Amino acid sequence: MKKKVVLLSVVASLTLSSNVLAASVYKDVPVKHWAYNTIQWGTSQKIVTGYPDNTFKPDNQVSEAEFLAMLINSFRKIEKTGERWDSGYYSFAQQMNWPTNGAEEEKARSWKINRQRVAEIVAGATGVNYTGENAVKYLLGKGLAVGKNPAEISVESFKAADFLTRAEAVQFIKTAKEKGLTELKARPLEPSDTKEIPPFPTMKTNSIPVLHQVENPFLSGGNMKPMPPHELTEPAVQAFLKSVLYKDEKINFTIPELPKGYKATISFGAGQIDVKPGNIFSKPIASTKSVGFTIWNDKWEGVQSLVIIPSSGEYWRK
């Protein structure tokens, strides 16, 4: 009887823990959000926290101070060295000779940080001294970062001038740590030799056929007709198809820009996931039966929709 009581207590404890974990999900980051797993990882690792109202605000742009805190928090704890909450982070960054604007000018700490400065800081944290385009090339060459278009590894697709959102910042750090950033190093005082920048990785492809359009198999013999091209949204459909890339046994694609007043969803066999322009997806071909891309008007009326079958490279309009 004692064993049964103990077992029931353990089960109850695990159930309670699961409920607490479920309740900790930010109310503005649903499971279908593209960065859900990344944000949960960042929170569990104490790299970043949410707001008192149980939101995360994933689309808010981050400041230089906020990114520094996220990066350093992913490796170590920092104590305050002054009245400001970010004082300890900047003291550490100065000791490591990382490039920041806020070290010399406090008001710059609240300025939004772009991807180029992030590249310079992260490159410095690996123990090299590269600036501007060279910092971007170094991260891409090392595989420590990716651009906004998974179909292309280039300085252009990195979008160095774009500002980082909170969700993107956590993803940036997660990618760097998974791809080789294992400790925070000091940045050399002198610029590193550009000859040491590795070439970009070769884009490996598999034997999957080139993406090609076929007749909708579910319409044959029926009275339904596929949605015809729409004047305003057809460019977005074509941009979506152009972004599709088969690489390393995965299908990768990017959500394109949409006309004003329109929105898009993605489905993987069932259900619809709200997405935004710039969201990047990468799914295993073997376990992904289909990818559905639908564009809606402001009344949630479907305007254009297509389905891709990853295993064959076929797609059709619904």
C-alpha atoms as a PDB file:
ATOM      1  CA  MET A   1       0.000   0.000   0.000  1.00  0.00           C
ATOM      2  CA  LYS A   2       2.838   2.385   0.793  1.00  0.00           C
ATOM      3  CA  LYS A   3       4.349   1.841  -2.650  1.00  0.00           C
ATOM      4  CA  LYS A   4       1.034   2.705  -4.291  1.00  0.00           C
ATOM      5  CA  VAL A   5       0.704   5.890  -2.217  1.00  0.00           C
ATOM      6  CA  VAL A   6       4.246   6.958  -3.135  1.00  0.00           C
ATOM      7  CA  LEU A   7       3.598   6.227  -6.803  1.00  0.00           C
ATOM      8  CA  LEU A   8       0.377   8.228  -6.769  1.00  0.00           C
ATOM      9  CA  SER A   9       2.227  11.108  -5.105  1.00  0.00           C
ATOM     10  CA  VAL A  10       4.873  11.088  -7.824  1.00  0.00           C
ATOM     11  CA  VAL A  11       2.219  11.036 -10.547  1.00  0.00           C
ATOM     12  CA  ALA A  12       0.382  13.893  -8.867  1.00  0.00           C
ATOM     13  CA  SER A  13       3.624  15.832  -8.593  1.00  0.00           C
ATOM     14  CA  LEU A  14       4.430  15.306 -12.281  1.00  0.00           C
ATOM     15  CA  THR A  15       0.895  16.310 -13.257  1.00  0.00           C
ATOM     16  CA  LEU A  16       1.177  19.479 -11.183  1.00  0.00           C
ATOM     17  CA  SER A  17       4.549  20.290 -12.780  1.00  0.00           C
ATOM     18  CA  SER A  18       3.068  19.781 -16.240  1.00  0.00           C
ATOM     19  CA  ASN A  19       0.179  22.095 -15.420  1.00  0.00           C
ATOM     20  CA  VAL A  20       2.539  24.775 -14.148  1.00  0.00           C
ATOM     21  CA  LEU A  21       4.647  24.477 -17.310  1.00  0.00           C
ATOM     22  CA  ALA A  22       1.557  24.728 -19.514  1.00  0.00           C
ATOM     23  CA  ALA A  23       0.401  27.781 -17.588  1.00  0.00           C
ATOM     24  CA  SER A  24       3.766  29.453 -18.126  1.00  0.00           C
ATOM     25  CA  VAL A  25       3.255  29.706 -21.894  1.00  0.00           C
ATOM     26  CA  TYR A  26       3.070  33.380 -22.896  1.00  0.00           C
ATOM     27  CA  LYS A  27      -0.406  34.346 -23.958  1.00  0.00           C
ATOM     28  CA  ASP A  28       0.884  36.141 -27.077  1.00  0.00           C
ATOM     29  CA  VAL A  29       3.048  33.173 -28.161  1.00  0.00           C
ATOM     30  CA  PRO A  30       0.631  30.348 -29.023  1.00  0.00           C
ATOM     31  CA  VAL A  31       1.907  26.883 -29.887  1.00  0.00           C
ATOM     32  CA  LYS A  32       1.415  27.663 -33.578  1.00  0.00           C
ATOM     33  CA  HIS A  33       3.770  30.678 -33.419  1.00  0.00           C
ATOM     34  CA  TRP A  34       6.903  30.145 -35.561  1.00  0.00           C
ATOM     35  CA  ALA A  35       9.205  30.875 -32.600  1.00  0.00           C
ATOM     36  CA  TYR A  36       7.235  29.033 -29.899  1.00  0.00           C
ATOM     37  CA  ASN A  37       9.882  26.364 -29.237  1.00  0.00           C
ATOM     38  CA  THR A  38      12.717  28.894 -29.449  1.00  0.00           C
ATOM     39  CA  ILE A  39      11.075  31.245 -26.955  1.00  0.00           C
ATOM     40  CA  GLN A  40      10.292  28.376 -24.581  1.00  0.00           C
ATOM     41  CA  TRP A  41      13.945  27.316 -24.839  1.00  0.00           C
ATOM     42  CA  GLY A  42      15.171  30.841 -24.129  1.00  0.00           C
ATOM     43  CA  THR A  43      12.903  31.128 -21.107  1.00  0.00           C
ATOM     44  CA  SER A  44      13.870  27.725 -19.694  1.00  0.00           C
ATOM     45  CA  GLN A  45      17.549  28.627 -20.087  1.00  0.00           C
ATOM     46  CA  LYS A  46      16.926  31.938 -18.256  1.00  0.00           C
ATOM     47  CA  ILE A  47      18.238  33.837 -21.274  1.00  0.00           C
ATOM     48  CA  VAL A  48      15.149  35.995 -21.490  1.00  0.00           C
ATOM     49  CA  THR A  49      11.952  36.590 -19.526  1.00  0.00           C
ATOM     50  CA  GLY A  50       8.478  37.770 -20.326  1.00  0.00           C
ATOM     51  CA  TYR A  51       6.503  40.727 -19.026  1.00  0.00           C
ATOM     52  CA  PRO A  52       4.378  40.949 -15.842  1.00  0.00           C
ATOM     53  CA  ASP A  53       1.181  40.563 -17.875  1.00  0.00           C
ATOM     54  CA  ASN A  54       2.367  37.106 -19.062  1.00  0.00           C
ATOM     55  CA  THR A  55       3.254  38.321 -22.563  1.00  0.00           C
ATOM     56  CA  PHE A  56       6.529  38.014 -24.417  1.00  0.00           C
ATOM     57  CA  LYS A  57       5.983  40.615 -27.153  1.00  0.00           C
ATOM     58  CA  PRO A  58       7.921  38.562 -29.758  1.00  0.00           C
ATOM     59  CA  ASP A  59       7.700  41.235 -32.467  1.00  0.00           C
ATOM     60  CA  ASN A  60       9.106  44.062 -30.344  1.00  0.00           C
ATOM     61  CA  GLN A  61      12.511  45.206 -31.568  1.00  0.00           C
ATOM     62  CA  VAL A  62      15.374  44.739 -29.112  1.00  0.00           C
ATOM     63  CA  SER A  63      17.877  47.321 -27.979  1.00  0.00           C
ATOM     64  CA  GLU A  64      21.630  46.860 -27.843  1.00  0.00           C
ATOM     65  CA  ALA A  65      21.472  46.443 -24.061  1.00  0.00           C
ATOM     66  CA  GLU A  66      18.735  43.814 -24.308  1.00  0.00           C
ATOM     67  CA  PHE A  67      20.654  41.759 -26.870  1.00  0.00           C
ATOM     68  CA  LEU A  68      23.849  41.950 -24.801  1.00  0.00           C
ATOM     69  CA  ALA A  69      21.923  40.710 -21.779  1.00  0.00           C
ATOM     70  CA  MET A  70      20.420  37.795 -23.728  1.00  0.00           C
ATOM     71  CA  LEU A  71      23.784  36.740 -25.144  1.00  0.00           C
ATOM     72  CA  ILE A  72      25.655  36.927 -21.846  1.00  0.00           C
ATOM     73  CA  ASN A  73      22.786  35.338 -19.883  1.00  0.00           C
ATOM     74  CA  SER A  74      23.036  32.310 -22.149  1.00  0.00           C
ATOM     75  CA  PHE A  75      26.487  31.577 -20.672  1.00  0.00           C
ATOM     76  CA  ARG A  76      26.823  33.170 -17.243  1.00  0.00           C
ATOM     77  CA  LYS A  77      25.269  35.282 -14.515  1.00  0.00           C
ATOM     78  CA  ILE A  78      26.150  38.964 -14.271  1.00  0.00           C
ATOM     79  CA  GLU A  79      25.976  41.178 -11.214  1.00  0.00           C
ATOM     80  CA  LYS A  80      25.077  44.868 -11.411  1.00  0.00           C
ATOM     81  CA  THR A  81      28.063  47.192 -11.235  1.00  0.00           C
ATOM     82  CA  GLY A  82      26.102  50.455 -11.154  1.00  0.00           C
ATOM     83  CA  GLU A  83      22.638  51.915 -10.774  1.00  0.00           C
ATOM     84  CA  ARG A  84      21.468  50.849 -14.241  1.00  0.00           C
ATOM     85  CA  TRP A  85      20.124  47.320 -14.785  1.00  0.00           C
ATOM     86  CA  ASP A  86      22.483  46.900 -17.751  1.00  0.00           C
ATOM     87  CA  SER A  87      25.630  48.153 -16.003  1.00  0.00           C
ATOM     88  CA  GLY A  88      27.099  44.708 -15.402  1.00  0.00           C
ATOM     89  CA  TYR A  89      26.543  43.607 -18.983  1.00  0.00           C
ATOM     90  CA  TYR A  90      28.362  46.624 -20.388  1.00  0.00           C
ATOM     91  CA  SER A  91      31.206  46.220 -17.918  1.00  0.00           C
ATOM     92  CA  PHE A  92      31.632  42.647 -19.098  1.00  0.00           C
ATOM     93  CA  ALA A  93      31.385  43.662 -22.787  1.00  0.00           C
ATOM     94  CA  GLN A  94      34.117  46.280 -22.240  1.00  0.00           C
ATOM     95  CA  GLN A  95      36.361  43.713 -20.542  1.00  0.00           C
ATOM     96  CA  MET A  96      35.878  41.458 -23.569  1.00  0.00           C
ATOM     97  CA  ASN A  97      36.496  44.343 -26.017  1.00  0.00           C
ATOM     98  CA  TRP A  98      33.175  43.736 -27.776  1.00  0.00           C
ATOM     99  CA  PRO A  99      31.969  46.551 -30.057  1.00  0.00           C
ATOM    100  CA  THR A 100      29.021  48.467 -28.558  1.00  0.00           C
ATOM    101  CA  ASN A 101      27.634  51.971 -28.834  1.00  0.00           C
ATOM    102  CA  GLY A 102      26.345  52.006 -25.262  1.00  0.00           C
ATOM    103  CA  ALA A 103      29.748  51.681 -23.621  1.00  0.00           C
ATOM    104  CA  GLU A 104      30.658  55.252 -24.591  1.00  0.00           C
ATOM    105  CA  GLU A 105      27.175  56.771 -24.713  1.00  0.00           C
ATOM    106  CA  GLU A 106      24.585  55.525 -22.216  1.00  0.00           C
ATOM    107  CA  LYS A 107      21.574  56.680 -24.221  1.00  0.00           C
ATOM    108  CA  ALA A 108      22.722  54.441 -27.086  1.00  0.00           C
ATOM    109  CA  ARG A 109      22.007  51.414 -24.945  1.00  0.00           C
ATOM    110  CA  SER A 110      18.300  51.796 -25.678  1.00  0.00           C
ATOM    111  CA  TRP A 111      18.808  52.180 -29.434  1.00  0.00           C
ATOM    112  CA  LYS A 112      17.517  49.359 -31.591  1.00  0.00           C
ATOM    113  CA  ILE A 113      20.239  46.960 -32.671  1.00  0.00           C
ATOM    114  CA  ASN A 114      20.585  45.844 -36.279  1.00  0.00           C
ATOM    115  CA  ARG A 115      21.815  42.492 -37.550  1.00  0.00           C
ATOM    116  CA  GLN A 116      25.223  43.853 -38.571  1.00  0.00           C
ATOM    117  CA  ARG A 117      26.060  45.003 -35.048  1.00  0.00           C
ATOM    118  CA  VAL A 118      24.817  41.662 -33.752  1.00  0.00           C
ATOM    119  CA  ALA A 119      27.162  39.921 -36.193  1.00  0.00           C
ATOM    120  CA  GLU A 120      30.079  42.059 -34.963  1.00  0.00           C
ATOM    121  CA  ILE A 121      29.353  41.273 -31.304  1.00  0.00           C
ATOM    122  CA  VAL A 122      28.848  37.539 -31.854  1.00  0.00           C
ATOM    123  CA  ALA A 123      31.971  37.331 -34.034  1.00  0.00           C
ATOM    124  CA  GLY A 124      33.876  39.098 -31.249  1.00  0.00           C
ATOM    125  CA  ALA A 125      32.495  36.606 -28.735  1.00  0.00           C
ATOM    126  CA  THR A 126      34.104  33.792 -30.758  1.00  0.00           C
ATOM    127  CA  GLY A 127      37.518  35.445 -30.403  1.00  0.00           C
ATOM    128  CA  VAL A 128      37.941  37.283 -33.711  1.00  0.00           C
ATOM    129  CA  ASN A 129      37.809  40.944 -34.695  1.00  0.00           C
ATOM    130  CA  TYR A 130      35.761  41.574 -37.825  1.00  0.00           C
ATOM    131  CA  THR A 131      33.487  44.514 -38.608  1.00  0.00           C
ATOM    132  CA  GLY A 132      30.762  45.264 -41.122  1.00  0.00           C
ATOM    133  CA  GLU A 133      30.408  42.854 -44.014  1.00  0.00           C
ATOM    134  CA  ASN A 134      33.396  40.807 -42.855  1.00  0.00           C
ATOM    135  CA  ALA A 135      31.640  39.990 -39.574  1.00  0.00           C
ATOM    136  CA  VAL A 136      28.591  38.818 -41.519  1.00  0.00           C
ATOM    137  CA  LYS A 137      30.744  36.695 -43.847  1.00  0.00           C
ATOM    138  CA  TYR A 138      32.505  35.143 -40.871  1.00  0.00           C
ATOM    139  CA  LEU A 139      29.269  34.074 -39.166  1.00  0.00           C
ATOM    140  CA  LEU A 140      27.790  32.730 -42.396  1.00  0.00           C
ATOM    141  CA  GLY A 141      30.997  30.895 -43.233  1.00  0.00           C
ATOM    142  CA  LYS A 142      31.149  29.333 -39.778  1.00  0.00           C
ATOM    143  CA  GLY A 143      27.458  28.452 -39.908  1.00  0.00           C
ATOM    144  CA  LEU A 144      26.857  30.432 -36.702  1.00  0.00           C
ATOM    145  CA  ALA A 145      24.038  32.397 -38.333  1.00  0.00           C
ATOM    146  CA  VAL A 146      21.740  32.257 -41.315  1.00  0.00           C
ATOM    147  CA  GLY A 147      20.101  34.861 -43.492  1.00  0.00           C
ATOM    148  CA  LYS A 148      16.408  35.570 -43.801  1.00  0.00           C
ATOM    149  CA  ASN A 149      16.133  33.442 -46.935  1.00  0.00           C
ATOM    150  CA  PRO A 150      16.977  29.764 -46.305  1.00  0.00           C
ATOM    151  CA  ALA A 151      17.393  29.255 -50.047  1.00  0.00           C
ATOM    152  CA  GLU A 152      20.411  31.549 -50.155  1.00  0.00           C
ATOM    153  CA  ILE A 153      23.612  31.963 -48.146  1.00  0.00           C
ATOM    154  CA  SER A 154      24.835  35.460 -48.915  1.00  0.00           C
ATOM    155  CA  VAL A 155      25.575  38.818 -47.367  1.00  0.00           C
ATOM    156  CA  GLU A 156      22.498  40.202 -49.119  1.00  0.00           C
ATOM    157  CA  SER A 157      20.114  37.615 -47.654  1.00  0.00           C
ATOM    158  CA  PHE A 158      21.537  38.253 -44.169  1.00  0.00           C
ATOM    159  CA  LYS A 159      19.802  41.678 -44.218  1.00  0.00           C
ATOM    160  CA  ALA A 160      22.422  43.399 -42.073  1.00  0.00           C
ATOM    161  CA  ALA A 161      20.482  46.673 -41.826  1.00  0.00           C
ATOM    162  CA  ASP A 162      17.332  45.040 -40.416  1.00  0.00           C
ATOM    163  CA  PHE A 163      16.567  45.411 -36.720  1.00  0.00           C
ATOM    164  CA  LEU A 164      16.131  42.311 -34.548  1.00  0.00           C
ATOM    165  CA  THR A 165      12.855  41.398 -32.852  1.00  0.00           C
ATOM    166  CA  ARG A 166      12.802  39.670 -29.479  1.00  0.00           C
ATOM    167  CA  ALA A 167      11.903  36.338 -31.078  1.00  0.00           C
ATOM    168  CA  GLU A 168      14.626  36.696 -33.712  1.00  0.00           C
ATOM    169  CA  ALA A 169      17.218  37.609 -31.084  1.00  0.00           C
ATOM    170  CA  VAL A 170      16.581  34.416 -29.108  1.00  0.00           C
ATOM    171  CA  GLN A 171      16.703  32.392 -32.346  1.00  0.00           C
ATOM    172  CA  PHE A 172      20.001  34.065 -33.288  1.00  0.00           C
ATOM    173  CA  ILE A 173      21.572  33.035 -29.967  1.00  0.00           C
ATOM    174  CA  LYS A 174      20.109  29.521 -30.111  1.00  0.00           C
ATOM    175  CA  THR A 175      21.500  28.973 -33.620  1.00  0.00           C
ATOM    176  CA  ALA A 176      24.955  30.272 -32.652  1.00  0.00           C
ATOM    177  CA  LYS A 177      25.114  28.008 -29.589  1.00  0.00           C
ATOM    178  CA  GLU A 178      23.934  24.954 -31.512  1.00  0.00           C
ATOM    179  CA  LYS A 179      26.455  25.575 -34.294  1.00  0.00           C
ATOM    180  CA  GLY A 180      29.598  26.031 -32.223  1.00  0.00           C
ATOM    181  CA  LEU A 181      29.529  29.045 -29.887  1.00  0.00           C
ATOM    182  CA  THR A 182      30.452  27.166 -26.706  1.00  0.00           C
ATOM    183  CA  GLU A 183      32.038  29.964 -24.653  1.00  0.00           C
ATOM    184  CA  LEU A 184      32.353  33.746 -24.622  1.00  0.00           C
ATOM    185  CA  LYS A 185      35.795  34.942 -25.658  1.00  0.00           C
ATOM    186  CA  ALA A 186      37.554  38.300 -25.718  1.00  0.00           C
ATOM    187  CA  ARG A 187      37.779  40.149 -29.020  1.00  0.00           C
ATOM    188  CA  PRO A 188      41.372  40.844 -30.142  1.00  0.00           C
ATOM    189  CA  LEU A 189      42.489  44.469 -30.143  1.00  0.00           C
ATOM    190  CA  GLU A 190      43.693  44.260 -33.734  1.00  0.00           C
ATOM    191  CA  PRO A 191      41.481  43.366 -36.737  1.00  0.00           C
ATOM    192  CA  SER A 192      41.648  39.693 -37.688  1.00  0.00           C
ATOM    193  CA  ASP A 193      43.027  38.576 -41.037  1.00  0.00           C
ATOM    194  CA  THR A 194      40.214  38.438 -43.597  1.00  0.00           C
ATOM    195  CA  LYS A 195      41.966  35.470 -45.215  1.00  0.00           C
ATOM    196  CA  GLU A 196      40.826  33.462 -42.193  1.00  0.00           C
ATOM    197  CA  ILE A 197      37.142  33.997 -43.032  1.00  0.00           C
ATOM    198  CA  PRO A 198      35.855  30.583 -44.166  1.00  0.00           C
ATOM    199  CA  PRO A 199      33.941  30.216 -47.446  1.00  0.00           C
ATOM    200  CA  PHE A 200      30.183  29.869 -47.303  1.00  0.00           C
ATOM    201  CA  PRO A 201      28.942  26.290 -46.853  1.00  0.00           C
ATOM    202  CA  THR A 202      27.962  24.486 -50.025  1.00  0.00           C
ATOM    203  CA  MET A 203      24.207  24.309 -50.437  1.00  0.00           C
ATOM    204  CA  LYS A 204      23.667  20.561 -50.371  1.00  0.00           C
ATOM    205  CA  THR A 205      20.652  19.313 -52.263  1.00  0.00           C
ATOM    206  CA  ASN A 206      19.100  15.885 -52.461  1.00  0.00           C
ATOM    207  CA  SER A 207      17.489  13.858 -55.209  1.00  0.00           C
ATOM    208  CA  ILE A 208      14.020  15.346 -54.747  1.00  0.00           C
ATOM    209  CA  PRO A 209      12.594  16.491 -58.126  1.00  0.00           C
ATOM    210  CA  VAL A 210      12.485  20.169 -58.964  1.00  0.00           C
ATOM    211  CA  LEU A 211       9.316  21.828 -57.699  1.00  0.00           C
ATOM    212  CA  HIS A 212       6.705  21.478 -60.439  1.00  0.00           C
ATOM    213  CA  GLN A 213       3.010  22.169 -60.822  1.00  0.00           C
ATOM    214  CA  VAL A 214       0.471  19.390 -61.424  1.00  0.00           C
ATOM    215  CA  GLU A 215      -3.295  19.251 -61.786  1.00  0.00           C
ATOM    216  CA  ASN A 216      -5.168  19.296 -58.487  1.00  0.00           C
ATOM    217  CA  PRO A 217      -5.945  15.602 -57.885  1.00  0.00           C
ATOM    218  CA  PHE A 218      -8.946  16.408 -55.694  1.00  0.00           C
ATOM    219  CA  LEU A 219     -10.732  18.397 -58.408  1.00  0.00           C
ATOM    220  CA  SER A 220     -10.745  15.797 -61.168  1.00  0.00           C
ATOM    221  CA  GLY A 221     -14.243  14.661 -61.937  1.00  0.00           C
ATOM    222  CA  GLY A 222     -15.884  17.308 -59.754  1.00  0.00           C
ATOM    223  CA  ASN A 223     -17.524  20.666 -60.337  1.00  0.00           C
ATOM    224  CA  MET A 224     -15.011  22.643 -58.254  1.00  0.00           C
ATOM    225  CA  LYS A 225     -12.340  24.726 -59.910  1.00  0.00           C
ATOM    226  CA  PRO A 226      -9.007  25.874 -58.480  1.00  0.00           C
ATOM    227  CA  MET A 227      -8.680  29.489 -57.382  1.00  0.00           C
ATOM    228  CA  PRO A 228      -7.435  31.511 -60.350  1.00  0.00           C
ATOM    229  CA  PRO A 229      -4.436  33.855 -59.999  1.00  0.00           C
ATOM    230  CA  HIS A 230      -5.376  37.059 -58.181  1.00  0.00           C
ATOM    231  CA  GLU A 231      -3.959  40.327 -59.476  1.00  0.00           C
ATOM    232  CA  LEU A 232      -2.815  41.591 -56.080  1.00  0.00           C
ATOM    233  CA  THR A 233      -1.708  38.361 -54.414  1.00  0.00           C
ATOM    234  CA  GLU A 234      -0.220  36.375 -57.299  1.00  0.00           C
ATOM    235  CA  PRO A 235       3.228  38.038 -56.860  1.00  0.00           C
ATOM    236  CA  ALA A 236       3.236  36.782 -53.265  1.00  0.00           C
ATOM    237  CA  VAL A 237       2.363  33.255 -54.408  1.00  0.00           C
ATOM    238  CA  GLN A 238       5.209  33.310 -56.917  1.00  0.00           C
ATOM    239  CA  ALA A 239       7.617  34.676 -54.281  1.00  0.00           C
ATOM    240  CA  PHE A 240       6.579  31.872 -51.931  1.00  0.00           C
ATOM    241  CA  LEU A 241       7.253  29.225 -54.584  1.00  0.00           C
ATOM    242  CA  LYS A 242      10.593  30.825 -55.416  1.00  0.00           C
ATOM    243  CA  SER A 243      11.663  30.599 -51.757  1.00  0.00           C
ATOM    244  CA  VAL A 244      11.072  26.853 -51.539  1.00  0.00           C
ATOM    245  CA  LEU A 245      14.334  24.947 -51.192  1.00  0.00           C
ATOM    246  CA  TYR A 246      15.070  21.278 -50.681  1.00  0.00           C
ATOM    247  CA  LYS A 247      18.188  21.002 -48.532  1.00  0.00           C
ATOM    248  CA  ASP A 248      19.592  18.369 -46.186  1.00  0.00           C
ATOM    249  CA  GLU A 249      16.416  16.257 -46.445  1.00  0.00           C
ATOM    250  CA  LYS A 250      14.248  19.209 -45.455  1.00  0.00           C
ATOM    251  CA  ILE A 251      11.855  21.519 -47.254  1.00  0.00           C
ATOM    252  CA  ASN A 252      12.589  25.160 -46.443  1.00  0.00           C
ATOM    253  CA  PHE A 253      10.522  28.209 -47.338  1.00  0.00           C
ATOM    254  CA  THR A 254       9.942  31.833 -46.374  1.00  0.00           C
ATOM    255  CA  ILE A 255       6.664  33.720 -46.017  1.00  0.00           C
ATOM    256  CA  PRO A 256       6.693  36.551 -48.608  1.00  0.00           C
ATOM    257  CA  GLU A 257       5.536  40.144 -48.354  1.00  0.00           C
ATOM    258  CA  LEU A 258       1.772  40.482 -48.744  1.00  0.00           C
ATOM    259  CA  PRO A 259      -0.394  43.292 -50.159  1.00  0.00           C
ATOM    260  CA  LYS A 260      -1.872  45.642 -47.567  1.00  0.00           C
ATOM    261  CA  GLY A 261      -5.004  44.210 -45.990  1.00  0.00           C
ATOM    262  CA  TYR A 262      -4.133  40.576 -46.700  1.00  0.00           C
ATOM    263  CA  LYS A 263      -2.823  37.848 -44.400  1.00  0.00           C
ATOM    264  CA  ALA A 264      -1.489  34.327 -44.800  1.00  0.00           C
ATOM    265  CA  THR A 265      -1.566  30.952 -43.077  1.00  0.00           C
ATOM    266  CA  ILE A 266       0.458  27.753 -43.365  1.00  0.00           C
ATOM    267  CA  SER A 267      -0.853  24.239 -42.773  1.00  0.00           C
ATOM    268  CA  PHE A 268       0.927  20.920 -42.486  1.00  0.00           C
ATOM    269  CA  GLY A 269      -1.876  18.525 -43.277  1.00  0.00           C
ATOM    270  CA  ALA A 270      -4.394  19.894 -40.752  1.00  0.00           C
ATOM    271  CA  GLY A 271      -5.137  23.211 -39.063  1.00  0.00           C
ATOM    272  CA  GLN A 272      -3.953  26.677 -40.031  1.00  0.00           C
ATOM    273  CA  ILE A 273      -0.992  28.558 -38.558  1.00  0.00           C
ATOM    274  CA  ASP A 274      -1.010  32.363 -38.728  1.00  0.00           C
ATOM    275  CA  VAL A 275       2.255  33.615 -40.231  1.00  0.00           C
ATOM    276  CA  LYS A 276       3.913  36.927 -41.021  1.00  0.00           C
ATOM    277  CA  PRO A 277       6.184  38.054 -43.866  1.00  0.00           C
ATOM    278  CA  GLY A 278       9.753  36.979 -43.177  1.00  0.00           C
ATOM    279  CA  ASN A 279       8.853  33.896 -41.103  1.00  0.00           C
ATOM    280  CA  ILE A 280      11.134  30.992 -42.057  1.00  0.00           C
ATOM    281  CA  PHE A 281      10.148  27.328 -41.922  1.00  0.00           C
ATOM    282  CA  SER A 282      12.219  24.152 -42.229  1.00  0.00           C
ATOM    283  CA  LYS A 283      10.462  20.775 -42.119  1.00  0.00           C
ATOM    284  CA  PRO A 284      11.739  17.205 -42.587  1.00  0.00           C
ATOM    285  CA  ILE A 285      10.606  15.897 -45.962  1.00  0.00           C
ATOM    286  CA  ALA A 286      10.078  12.370 -44.669  1.00  0.00           C
ATOM    287  CA  SER A 287       7.550  13.368 -41.991  1.00  0.00           C
ATOM    288  CA  THR A 288       5.809  16.267 -43.743  1.00  0.00           C
ATOM    289  CA  LYS A 289       2.966  14.995 -45.910  1.00  0.00           C
ATOM    290  CA  SER A 290       1.978  18.398 -47.272  1.00  0.00           C
ATOM    291  CA  VAL A 291       2.538  22.129 -46.963  1.00  0.00           C
ATOM    292  CA  GLY A 292      -0.439  24.413 -47.540  1.00  0.00           C
ATOM    293  CA  PHE A 293      -0.055  28.149 -48.197  1.00  0.00           C
ATOM    294  CA  THR A 294      -3.219  30.300 -48.198  1.00  0.00           C
ATOM    295  CA  ILE A 295      -3.718  34.033 -48.617  1.00  0.00           C
ATOM    296  CA  TRP A 296      -6.833  35.613 -47.079  1.00  0.00           C
ATOM    297  CA  ASN A 297      -8.493  39.022 -47.351  1.00  0.00           C
ATOM    298  CA  ASP A 298      -9.476  41.117 -44.329  1.00  0.00           C
ATOM    299  CA  LYS A 299     -12.767  39.175 -44.030  1.00  0.00           C
ATOM    300  CA  TRP A 300     -10.914  35.873 -43.796  1.00  0.00           C
ATOM    301  CA  GLU A 301     -12.085  34.834 -47.225  1.00  0.00           C
ATOM    302  CA  GLY A 302      -9.590  32.649 -49.077  1.00  0.00           C
ATOM    303  CA  VAL A 303      -8.160  34.435 -52.111  1.00  0.00           C
ATOM    304  CA  GLN A 304      -5.420  32.052 -53.241  1.00  0.00           C
ATOM    305  CA  SER A 305      -4.217  28.725 -51.932  1.00  0.00           C
ATOM    306  CA  LEU A 306      -1.762  26.042 -52.977  1.00  0.00           C
ATOM    307  CA  VAL A 307      -0.487  22.738 -51.624  1.00  0.00           C
ATOM    308  CA  ILE A 308       3.023  21.298 -51.919  1.00  0.00           C
ATOM    309  CA  ILE A 309       3.813  17.595 -51.523  1.00  0.00           C
ATOM    310  CA  PRO A 310       7.436  17.633 -50.244  1.00  0.00           C
ATOM    311  CA  SER A 311       8.193  14.013 -51.114  1.00  0.00           C
ATOM    312  CA  SER A 312       7.516  14.517 -54.829  1.00  0.00           C
ATOM    313  CA  GLY A 313       8.115  18.227 -55.357  1.00  0.00           C
ATOM    314  CA  GLU A 314       4.600  18.542 -56.792  1.00  0.00           C
ATOM    315  CA  TYR A 315       2.302  21.433 -56.044  1.00  0.00           C
ATOM    316  CA  TRP A 316      -1.148  22.474 -57.127  1.00  0.00           C
ATOM    317  CA  ARG A 317      -3.620  25.294 -56.556  1.00  0.00           C
ATOM    318  CA  LYS A 318      -6.694  24.529 -54.514  1.00  0.00           C
END
